[in-house]
Amino acid sequence: MVVINAGQIRLTGNKVEQKMYRHHSGYPGGLKEIPARRLKEQRPDVMVREAILGMLPKNKLRAHRAKKLRVYRDAKGLERHVAQKPQPLAL
C-alpha cells in the first residue's frame, strides 16, 4: 500500500499541543519525546505510519504487513514506483 498525501493530515482538538510521540533508545534515560506539532512539520509520514501500524494486530504478520506500507509526504514519492504503474484507489 502506498500513501502519498501524508503532508495533508490534520489533528483535531488539542492533539497538536498535547500529543507526544515517544521512543526509547534502549539505554538508561533514553526516552525521547517529540511533540506532534514538531513531528508534523518535519516528518508527517512518520505520524501516518505510526497511526497505521498502531491499528494492525500485534502478531507475527505485523512486521510483514508493515514492510509493504509506503508513506510519502506528497506525490513526489510516487516517482520511485512508476515501473509498477500504480492506480489510485477511490474510497
Protein backbone atom coordinates (compact mmCIF):
# COMPACT_ATOMS: atom_id res chain seq x y z
CA MET A 1 0.00 0.00 0.00
CA VAL A 2 1.27 3.47 -0.89
CA VAL A 3 0.09 6.65 0.88
CA ILE A 4 1.07 9.82 -0.99
CA ASN A 5 -0.58 12.65 0.94
CA ALA A 6 0.84 12.39 4.46
CA GLY A 7 1.64 16.11 4.41
CA GLN A 8 -2.08 16.99 4.41
CA ILE A 9 -3.03 15.36 7.72
CA ARG A 10 -4.99 17.30 10.33
CA LEU A 11 -5.20 16.70 14.04
CA THR A 12 -8.44 17.58 15.80
CA GLY A 13 -8.93 19.04 19.24
CA ASN A 14 -5.85 19.75 21.34
CA LYS A 15 -3.80 16.89 19.91
CA VAL A 16 -1.38 19.29 18.21
CA GLU A 17 -0.31 20.68 21.58
CA GLN A 18 -0.82 17.66 23.84
CA LYS A 19 0.11 14.56 21.84
CA MET A 20 3.65 13.27 22.28
CA TYR A 21 5.42 10.64 20.20
CA ARG A 22 7.79 8.57 22.33
CA HIS A 23 10.53 6.09 21.58
CA HIS A 24 13.31 4.64 23.68
CA SER A 25 16.93 4.20 22.67
CA GLY A 26 17.41 1.19 24.96
CA TYR A 27 19.86 2.98 27.24
CA PRO A 28 19.05 4.21 30.76
CA GLY A 29 17.40 7.62 30.48
CA GLY A 30 17.00 7.15 26.73
CA LEU A 31 13.32 8.09 26.43
CA LYS A 32 12.86 10.55 23.56
CA GLU A 33 9.71 12.64 23.28
CA ILE A 34 8.69 14.65 20.21
CA PRO A 35 5.59 16.87 20.27
CA ALA A 36 3.05 16.29 17.49
CA ARG A 37 3.43 19.86 16.21
CA ARG A 38 7.16 19.45 15.55
CA LEU A 39 6.80 15.96 14.08
CA LYS A 40 4.04 17.15 11.74
CA GLU A 41 6.27 19.92 10.39
CA GLN A 42 9.36 17.73 9.98
CA ARG A 43 8.14 14.18 9.28
CA PRO A 44 4.36 13.83 8.68
CA ASP A 45 5.00 10.46 7.03
CA VAL A 46 6.15 9.08 10.40
CA MET A 47 2.89 10.21 12.03
CA VAL A 48 0.79 8.41 9.42
CA ARG A 49 2.96 5.30 9.59
CA GLU A 50 2.71 5.13 13.39
CA ALA A 51 -1.09 5.55 13.22
CA ILE A 52 -1.45 2.75 10.67
CA LEU A 53 0.90 0.38 12.50
CA GLY A 54 -1.00 1.03 15.73
CA MET A 55 -4.17 -0.27 14.07
CA LEU A 56 -2.58 -3.52 12.89
CA PRO A 57 -2.94 -6.63 15.05
CA LYS A 58 0.05 -7.35 17.27
CA ASN A 59 1.00 -10.75 15.87
CA LYS A 60 3.58 -12.44 13.64
CA LEU A 61 2.17 -10.90 10.46
CA ARG A 62 2.50 -7.31 11.64
CA ALA A 63 6.12 -6.88 10.53
CA HIS A 64 5.35 -8.45 7.15
CA ARG A 65 2.42 -6.08 6.60
CA ALA A 66 4.43 -3.08 7.80
CA LYS A 67 7.15 -3.83 5.26
CA LYS A 68 4.62 -3.43 2.43
CA LEU A 69 3.50 0.01 3.64
CA ARG A 70 5.00 3.05 1.88
CA VAL A 71 4.15 6.53 3.18
CA TYR A 72 5.22 9.73 1.39
CA ARG A 73 4.72 13.40 2.21
CA ASP A 74 3.47 14.31 -1.28
CA ALA A 75 3.07 12.89 -4.78
CA LYS A 76 6.80 13.18 -5.50
CA GLY A 77 7.20 9.89 -3.62
CA LEU A 78 5.42 8.07 -6.45
CA GLU A 79 8.37 8.71 -8.76
CA ARG A 80 10.11 5.60 -7.44
CA HIS A 81 7.00 3.45 -8.11
CA VAL A 82 6.49 4.41 -11.77
CA ALA A 83 7.59 0.99 -13.04
CA GLN A 84 4.76 -0.69 -11.08
CA LYS A 85 2.12 1.61 -12.71
CA PRO A 86 0.17 2.43 -9.52
CA GLN A 87 -3.56 3.09 -9.80
CA PRO A 88 -5.41 5.41 -7.39
CA LEU A 89 -7.86 3.73 -5.03
CA ALA A 90 -11.18 5.58 -4.83
CA LEU A 91 -12.67 5.42 -1.33
